[in-house]
Amino acid sequence: MESWWVRSSGFQKVLGFLPGFAWGLTITYFSLIRGREIPSFLLSFKDLLLHGGMYFTIYVLYYMGLIGWNFSYRPPKKVNQWLLVGLGTVAGGILEILQETVAIDRSGTWEDFAANTFGALAGFGLMRAVHRGFISSSET
């Protein structure tokens, strides 16, 4: 089946990416607020798991935007999937730098950056496997 991206209108594309964009704004907000304003429920998570989970989630949301939230369409091109990983890595790096230089009572670390990147890579792996599995099961 042809790509959802080809078949959809500009408005549909915007709607498809809206959850990922909203999650990205949420990550940015919680990354840059003062350290003492971070909700206690977020502090209860292991820091590296929280970082990985945030970037895993944003990768999944943007991947779903690429396929129009419908696994029956062809998977996105590999270059687009890797572009999402790269964008997640760059965004995570920029936020770590901003935490170190701009945010009050916050610090950016290499460990957090690595966890962000690992989360995006884990999302990449999971979505490729799920999408391939869905496509192969629908062909039988």
N, C-alpha and C. Protein backbone atom coordinates (compact mmCIF):
# COMPACT_ATOMS: atom_id res chain seq x y z
N MET A 1 0.85 -1.18 0.00
CA MET A 1 0.00 0.00 0.00
C MET A 1 0.89 1.24 0.00
N GLU A 2 0.46 2.27 -0.70
CA GLU A 2 1.30 3.46 -0.77
C GLU A 2 1.40 4.15 0.59
N SER A 3 2.30 5.05 0.70
CA SER A 3 2.58 5.73 1.96
C SER A 3 1.43 6.65 2.36
N TRP A 4 1.16 6.67 3.65
CA TRP A 4 0.15 7.58 4.19
C TRP A 4 0.56 9.02 3.89
N TRP A 5 1.86 9.26 3.94
CA TRP A 5 2.38 10.61 3.74
C TRP A 5 1.97 11.16 2.38
N VAL A 6 1.99 10.31 1.37
CA VAL A 6 1.63 10.73 0.02
C VAL A 6 0.14 11.00 -0.09
N ARG A 7 -0.65 10.19 0.58
CA ARG A 7 -2.11 10.27 0.45
C ARG A 7 -2.77 11.33 1.31
N SER A 8 -2.11 11.86 2.31
CA SER A 8 -2.77 12.72 3.27
C SER A 8 -2.63 14.20 2.92
N SER A 9 -3.56 14.98 3.44
CA SER A 9 -3.52 16.44 3.25
C SER A 9 -2.56 17.05 4.26
N GLY A 10 -2.25 18.31 4.05
CA GLY A 10 -1.38 19.03 4.99
C GLY A 10 -1.98 19.07 6.39
N PHE A 11 -3.28 19.24 6.49
CA PHE A 11 -3.96 19.28 7.79
C PHE A 11 -3.84 17.94 8.49
N GLN A 12 -4.01 16.84 7.76
CA GLN A 12 -3.88 15.51 8.34
C GLN A 12 -2.46 15.28 8.85
N LYS A 13 -1.47 15.76 8.11
CA LYS A 13 -0.08 15.61 8.53
C LYS A 13 0.17 16.36 9.84
N VAL A 14 -0.35 17.57 9.93
CA VAL A 14 -0.19 18.36 11.15
C VAL A 14 -0.83 17.63 12.32
N LEU A 15 -2.04 17.13 12.14
CA LEU A 15 -2.72 16.40 13.21
C LEU A 15 -1.95 15.15 13.60
N GLY A 16 -1.35 14.47 12.63
CA GLY A 16 -0.58 13.26 12.92
C GLY A 16 0.62 13.53 13.82
N PHE A 17 1.22 14.69 13.66
CA PHE A 17 2.42 15.03 14.44
C PHE A 17 2.12 15.81 15.72
N LEU A 18 0.89 16.21 15.91
CA LEU A 18 0.52 17.02 17.08
C LEU A 18 0.88 16.37 18.42
N PRO A 19 0.59 15.06 18.62
CA PRO A 19 0.99 14.45 19.91
C PRO A 19 2.50 14.49 20.15
N GLY A 20 3.30 14.23 19.12
CA GLY A 20 4.76 14.29 19.27
C GLY A 20 5.23 15.69 19.58
N PHE A 21 4.63 16.68 18.92
CA PHE A 21 5.00 18.07 19.16
C PHE A 21 4.64 18.47 20.60
N ALA A 22 3.45 18.07 21.05
CA ALA A 22 3.03 18.39 22.42
C ALA A 22 3.96 17.73 23.44
N TRP A 23 4.36 16.48 23.18
CA TRP A 23 5.27 15.79 24.08
C TRP A 23 6.64 16.48 24.08
N GLY A 24 7.09 16.94 22.92
CA GLY A 24 8.35 17.67 22.84
C GLY A 24 8.32 18.95 23.66
N LEU A 25 7.20 19.66 23.62
CA LEU A 25 7.05 20.87 24.44
C LEU A 25 7.07 20.52 25.93
N THR A 26 6.45 19.39 26.27
CA THR A 26 6.44 18.94 27.67
C THR A 26 7.86 18.63 28.14
N ILE A 27 8.61 17.92 27.31
CA ILE A 27 10.01 17.62 27.66
C ILE A 27 10.80 18.91 27.84
N THR A 28 10.61 19.84 26.92
CA THR A 28 11.34 21.11 26.99
C THR A 28 10.98 21.86 28.27
N TYR A 29 9.71 21.93 28.59
CA TYR A 29 9.27 22.64 29.79
C TYR A 29 9.91 22.03 31.05
N PHE A 30 9.77 20.70 31.21
CA PHE A 30 10.29 20.07 32.42
C PHE A 30 11.83 20.03 32.45
N SER A 31 12.46 20.17 31.30
CA SER A 31 13.92 20.22 31.26
C SER A 31 14.47 21.57 31.69
N LEU A 32 13.68 22.61 31.51
CA LEU A 32 14.20 23.96 31.74
C LEU A 32 13.63 24.67 32.96
N ILE A 33 12.65 24.07 33.66
CA ILE A 33 12.13 24.75 34.86
C ILE A 33 13.17 24.63 35.98
N ARG A 34 12.99 25.48 36.98
CA ARG A 34 13.90 25.45 38.13
C ARG A 34 13.88 24.07 38.78
N GLY A 35 15.02 23.67 39.29
CA GLY A 35 15.14 22.35 39.91
C GLY A 35 14.13 22.11 41.01
N ARG A 36 13.86 23.12 41.83
CA ARG A 36 12.94 22.92 42.96
C ARG A 36 11.48 22.90 42.53
N GLU A 37 11.19 23.26 41.27
CA GLU A 37 9.81 23.24 40.78
C GLU A 37 9.45 21.93 40.10
N ILE A 38 10.38 21.01 40.01
CA ILE A 38 10.11 19.72 39.39
C ILE A 38 9.16 18.94 40.29
N PRO A 39 8.05 18.43 39.73
CA PRO A 39 7.10 17.67 40.56
C PRO A 39 7.76 16.46 41.21
N SER A 40 7.37 16.18 42.43
CA SER A 40 8.00 15.10 43.19
C SER A 40 7.79 13.73 42.53
N PHE A 41 6.67 13.53 41.82
CA PHE A 41 6.47 12.22 41.19
C PHE A 41 7.51 11.98 40.10
N LEU A 42 8.01 13.04 39.45
CA LEU A 42 9.06 12.86 38.46
C LEU A 42 10.40 12.55 39.12
N LEU A 43 10.60 13.10 40.29
CA LEU A 43 11.86 12.85 41.00
C LEU A 43 11.92 11.44 41.56
N SER A 44 10.77 10.76 41.66
CA SER A 44 10.76 9.41 42.20
C SER A 44 11.31 8.39 41.19
N PHE A 45 11.34 8.74 39.91
CA PHE A 45 11.89 7.85 38.89
C PHE A 45 13.41 7.91 38.91
N LYS A 46 14.04 6.83 38.50
CA LYS A 46 15.48 6.87 38.29
C LYS A 46 15.73 7.85 37.14
N ASP A 47 16.66 8.76 37.32
CA ASP A 47 16.88 9.84 36.36
C ASP A 47 17.13 9.34 34.94
N LEU A 48 18.01 8.34 34.80
CA LEU A 48 18.35 7.87 33.46
C LEU A 48 17.17 7.14 32.81
N LEU A 49 16.37 6.44 33.61
CA LEU A 49 15.17 5.79 33.07
C LEU A 49 14.16 6.83 32.60
N LEU A 50 14.04 7.91 33.35
CA LEU A 50 13.13 8.99 32.97
C LEU A 50 13.58 9.62 31.65
N HIS A 51 14.86 9.89 31.52
CA HIS A 51 15.38 10.47 30.28
C HIS A 51 15.15 9.53 29.10
N GLY A 52 15.52 8.28 29.27
CA GLY A 52 15.33 7.31 28.20
C GLY A 52 13.86 7.16 27.84
N GLY A 53 13.00 7.12 28.83
CA GLY A 53 11.57 6.98 28.59
C GLY A 53 10.98 8.16 27.85
N MET A 54 11.45 9.36 28.17
CA MET A 54 10.93 10.55 27.49
C MET A 54 11.28 10.53 26.00
N TYR A 55 12.51 10.16 25.68
CA TYR A 55 12.94 10.17 24.28
C TYR A 55 12.46 8.93 23.53
N PHE A 56 12.23 7.83 24.23
CA PHE A 56 11.58 6.68 23.64
C PHE A 56 10.16 7.08 23.21
N THR A 57 9.45 7.73 24.10
CA THR A 57 8.07 8.14 23.82
C THR A 57 8.00 9.12 22.67
N ILE A 58 8.89 10.10 22.64
CA ILE A 58 8.81 11.07 21.55
C ILE A 58 9.14 10.42 20.21
N TYR A 59 10.07 9.45 20.21
CA TYR A 59 10.35 8.75 18.95
C TYR A 59 9.10 8.00 18.49
N VAL A 60 8.44 7.28 19.40
CA VAL A 60 7.24 6.52 19.04
C VAL A 60 6.15 7.45 18.52
N LEU A 61 5.95 8.58 19.18
CA LEU A 61 4.90 9.52 18.74
C LEU A 61 5.19 10.09 17.35
N TYR A 62 6.44 10.45 17.10
CA TYR A 62 6.77 10.98 15.77
C TYR A 62 6.74 9.89 14.70
N TYR A 63 7.13 8.68 15.04
CA TYR A 63 7.01 7.56 14.09
C TYR A 63 5.54 7.36 13.73
N MET A 64 4.69 7.37 14.73
CA MET A 64 3.26 7.21 14.47
C MET A 64 2.75 8.35 13.59
N GLY A 65 3.27 9.54 13.77
CA GLY A 65 2.92 10.65 12.89
C GLY A 65 3.34 10.38 11.45
N LEU A 66 4.52 9.76 11.28
CA LEU A 66 5.00 9.44 9.94
C LEU A 66 4.11 8.43 9.22
N ILE A 67 3.48 7.53 9.98
CA ILE A 67 2.63 6.51 9.36
C ILE A 67 1.15 6.83 9.50
N GLY A 68 0.82 8.01 10.00
CA GLY A 68 -0.58 8.39 10.13
C GLY A 68 -1.35 7.57 11.15
N TRP A 69 -0.65 7.06 12.15
CA TRP A 69 -1.25 6.28 13.22
C TRP A 69 -1.95 5.04 12.67
N ASN A 70 -1.41 4.47 11.61
CA ASN A 70 -2.03 3.32 10.97
C ASN A 70 -0.93 2.39 10.46
N PHE A 71 -0.77 1.25 11.10
CA PHE A 71 0.30 0.32 10.74
C PHE A 71 0.07 -0.39 9.41
N SER A 72 -1.10 -0.23 8.79
CA SER A 72 -1.33 -0.91 7.53
C SER A 72 -0.61 -0.22 6.37
N TYR A 73 -0.13 0.99 6.58
CA TYR A 73 0.65 1.67 5.55
C TYR A 73 2.09 1.17 5.57
N ARG A 74 2.79 1.39 4.47
CA ARG A 74 4.21 1.03 4.40
C ARG A 74 4.98 1.74 5.51
N PRO A 75 6.02 1.08 6.03
CA PRO A 75 6.87 1.77 7.00
C PRO A 75 7.55 2.97 6.34
N PRO A 76 7.89 3.99 7.12
CA PRO A 76 8.63 5.12 6.56
C PRO A 76 9.98 4.66 6.02
N LYS A 77 10.52 5.43 5.11
CA LYS A 77 11.85 5.12 4.59
C LYS A 77 12.85 5.10 5.74
N LYS A 78 13.87 4.23 5.60
CA LYS A 78 14.88 4.12 6.66
C LYS A 78 15.52 5.46 6.96
N VAL A 79 15.77 6.25 5.93
CA VAL A 79 16.41 7.55 6.14
C VAL A 79 15.54 8.43 7.04
N ASN A 80 14.23 8.36 6.89
CA ASN A 80 13.34 9.15 7.75
C ASN A 80 13.32 8.62 9.18
N GLN A 81 13.41 7.30 9.32
CA GLN A 81 13.46 6.72 10.66
C GLN A 81 14.75 7.14 11.38
N TRP A 82 15.86 7.08 10.65
CA TRP A 82 17.14 7.50 11.25
C TRP A 82 17.16 9.01 11.49
N LEU A 83 16.48 9.76 10.65
CA LEU A 83 16.37 11.20 10.87
C LEU A 83 15.68 11.50 12.19
N LEU A 84 14.65 10.72 12.52
CA LEU A 84 13.98 10.90 13.81
C LEU A 84 14.93 10.61 14.97
N VAL A 85 15.74 9.58 14.84
CA VAL A 85 16.73 9.28 15.89
C VAL A 85 17.71 10.45 16.01
N GLY A 86 18.18 10.94 14.88
CA GLY A 86 19.12 12.07 14.89
C GLY A 86 18.51 13.33 15.50
N LEU A 87 17.27 13.60 15.14
CA LEU A 87 16.60 14.78 15.72
C LEU A 87 16.43 14.64 17.22
N GLY A 88 16.07 13.43 17.67
CA GLY A 88 15.95 13.20 19.11
C GLY A 88 17.28 13.37 19.82
N THR A 89 18.35 12.89 19.21
CA THR A 89 19.68 13.02 19.79
C THR A 89 20.10 14.49 19.87
N VAL A 90 19.89 15.22 18.78
CA VAL A 90 20.26 16.65 18.76
C VAL A 90 19.42 17.43 19.76
N ALA A 91 18.11 17.18 19.78
CA ALA A 91 17.25 17.89 20.73
C ALA A 91 17.66 17.59 22.17
N GLY A 92 17.96 16.32 22.46
CA GLY A 92 18.41 15.96 23.80
C GLY A 92 19.72 16.64 24.16
N GLY A 93 20.63 16.73 23.20
CA GLY A 93 21.91 17.41 23.44
C GLY A 93 21.73 18.90 23.69
N ILE A 94 20.88 19.53 22.90
CA ILE A 94 20.62 20.96 23.08
C ILE A 94 20.00 21.22 24.45
N LEU A 95 19.04 20.39 24.84
CA LEU A 95 18.42 20.59 26.16
C LEU A 95 19.41 20.37 27.29
N GLU A 96 20.32 19.42 27.14
CA GLU A 96 21.33 19.22 28.19
C GLU A 96 22.25 20.44 28.28
N ILE A 97 22.61 21.00 27.14
CA ILE A 97 23.44 22.22 27.14
C ILE A 97 22.69 23.37 27.78
N LEU A 98 21.40 23.52 27.44
CA LEU A 98 20.60 24.60 28.03
C LEU A 98 20.42 24.41 29.53
N GLN A 99 20.29 23.16 29.97
CA GLN A 99 20.19 22.91 31.41
C GLN A 99 21.47 23.37 32.12
N GLU A 100 22.59 23.13 31.49
CA GLU A 100 23.87 23.49 32.09
C GLU A 100 24.11 24.99 32.07
N THR A 101 23.67 25.67 31.03
CA THR A 101 24.05 27.08 30.84
C THR A 101 22.95 28.08 31.17
N VAL A 102 21.69 27.70 31.01
CA VAL A 102 20.60 28.68 31.13
C VAL A 102 19.68 28.39 32.32
N ALA A 103 19.31 27.13 32.49
CA ALA A 103 18.33 26.76 33.52
C ALA A 103 18.91 26.99 34.91
N ILE A 104 18.05 27.37 35.83
CA ILE A 104 18.45 27.63 37.21
C ILE A 104 18.29 26.34 38.02
N ASP A 105 19.29 26.03 38.83
CA ASP A 105 19.30 24.84 39.68
C ASP A 105 19.25 23.54 38.87
N ARG A 106 19.78 23.55 37.67
CA ARG A 106 19.78 22.36 36.82
C ARG A 106 21.19 22.14 36.29
N SER A 107 21.47 20.92 35.89
CA SER A 107 22.77 20.64 35.27
C SER A 107 22.56 19.63 34.16
N GLY A 108 23.32 19.81 33.10
CA GLY A 108 23.31 18.87 31.99
C GLY A 108 24.45 17.90 32.15
N THR A 109 24.20 16.63 31.85
CA THR A 109 25.25 15.63 32.00
C THR A 109 25.34 14.76 30.75
N TRP A 110 26.52 14.18 30.57
CA TRP A 110 26.73 13.26 29.46
C TRP A 110 25.88 12.00 29.64
N GLU A 111 25.67 11.58 30.89
CA GLU A 111 24.87 10.39 31.15
C GLU A 111 23.42 10.63 30.71
N ASP A 112 22.88 11.80 31.00
CA ASP A 112 21.52 12.12 30.57
C ASP A 112 21.43 12.16 29.05
N PHE A 113 22.44 12.74 28.41
CA PHE A 113 22.48 12.79 26.95
C PHE A 113 22.50 11.37 26.37
N ALA A 114 23.30 10.50 26.96
CA ALA A 114 23.37 9.11 26.49
C ALA A 114 22.02 8.41 26.70
N ALA A 115 21.37 8.66 27.82
CA ALA A 115 20.06 8.05 28.08
C ALA A 115 19.02 8.56 27.09
N ASN A 116 19.08 9.85 26.75
CA ASN A 116 18.17 10.41 25.74
C ASN A 116 18.37 9.68 24.41
N THR A 117 19.62 9.54 24.01
CA THR A 117 19.94 8.89 22.74
C THR A 117 19.52 7.43 22.76
N PHE A 118 19.80 6.74 23.86
CA PHE A 118 19.41 5.34 23.97
C PHE A 118 17.89 5.19 23.90
N GLY A 119 17.15 6.11 24.51
CA GLY A 119 15.69 6.06 24.44
C GLY A 119 15.18 6.18 23.01
N ALA A 120 15.77 7.11 22.25
CA ALA A 120 15.37 7.27 20.84
C ALA A 120 15.72 6.03 20.04
N LEU A 121 16.89 5.44 20.29
CA LEU A 121 17.29 4.22 19.58
C LEU A 121 16.38 3.04 19.95
N ALA A 122 15.99 2.96 21.21
CA ALA A 122 15.07 1.89 21.63
C ALA A 122 13.71 2.06 20.95
N GLY A 123 13.24 3.30 20.84
CA GLY A 123 11.99 3.56 20.13
C GLY A 123 12.10 3.15 18.67
N PHE A 124 13.23 3.45 18.06
CA PHE A 124 13.50 3.06 16.67
C PHE A 124 13.40 1.55 16.52
N GLY A 125 14.09 0.83 17.38
CA GLY A 125 14.09 -0.63 17.30
C GLY A 125 12.70 -1.22 17.51
N LEU A 126 11.99 -0.73 18.50
CA LEU A 126 10.67 -1.25 18.78
C LEU A 126 9.70 -0.98 17.64
N MET A 127 9.69 0.24 17.14
CA MET A 127 8.73 0.57 16.09
C MET A 127 9.02 -0.17 14.80
N ARG A 128 10.29 -0.37 14.47
CA ARG A 128 10.62 -1.17 13.28
C ARG A 128 10.12 -2.59 13.44
N ALA A 129 10.35 -3.17 14.61
CA ALA A 129 9.93 -4.55 14.85
C ALA A 129 8.41 -4.68 14.84
N VAL A 130 7.73 -3.78 15.51
CA VAL A 130 6.27 -3.83 15.57
C VAL A 130 5.68 -3.63 14.18
N HIS A 131 6.18 -2.67 13.45
CA HIS A 131 5.62 -2.39 12.12
C HIS A 131 5.88 -3.56 11.17
N ARG A 132 7.08 -4.09 11.19
CA ARG A 132 7.38 -5.26 10.35
C ARG A 132 6.50 -6.44 10.72
N GLY A 133 6.33 -6.66 12.01
CA GLY A 133 5.47 -7.76 12.47
C GLY A 133 4.02 -7.57 12.05
N PHE A 134 3.55 -6.36 12.12
CA PHE A 134 2.17 -6.07 11.73
C PHE A 134 1.99 -6.28 10.24
N ILE A 135 2.92 -5.78 9.44
CA ILE A 135 2.83 -5.93 7.99
C ILE A 135 2.89 -7.40 7.59
N SER A 136 3.84 -8.16 8.18
CA SER A 136 3.97 -9.58 7.80
C SER A 136 2.76 -10.38 8.26
N SER A 137 2.16 -10.04 9.39
CA SER A 137 0.98 -10.79 9.84
C SER A 137 -0.25 -10.45 9.00
N SER A 138 -0.32 -9.25 8.45
CA SER A 138 -1.48 -8.89 7.63
C SER A 138 -1.37 -9.45 6.21
N GLU A 139 -0.15 -9.87 5.80
CA GLU A 139 0.04 -10.43 4.47
C GLU A 139 -0.30 -11.91 4.42
N THR A 140 -0.38 -12.56 5.59
CA THR A 140 -0.67 -13.99 5.59
C THR A 140 -2.13 -14.29 5.64
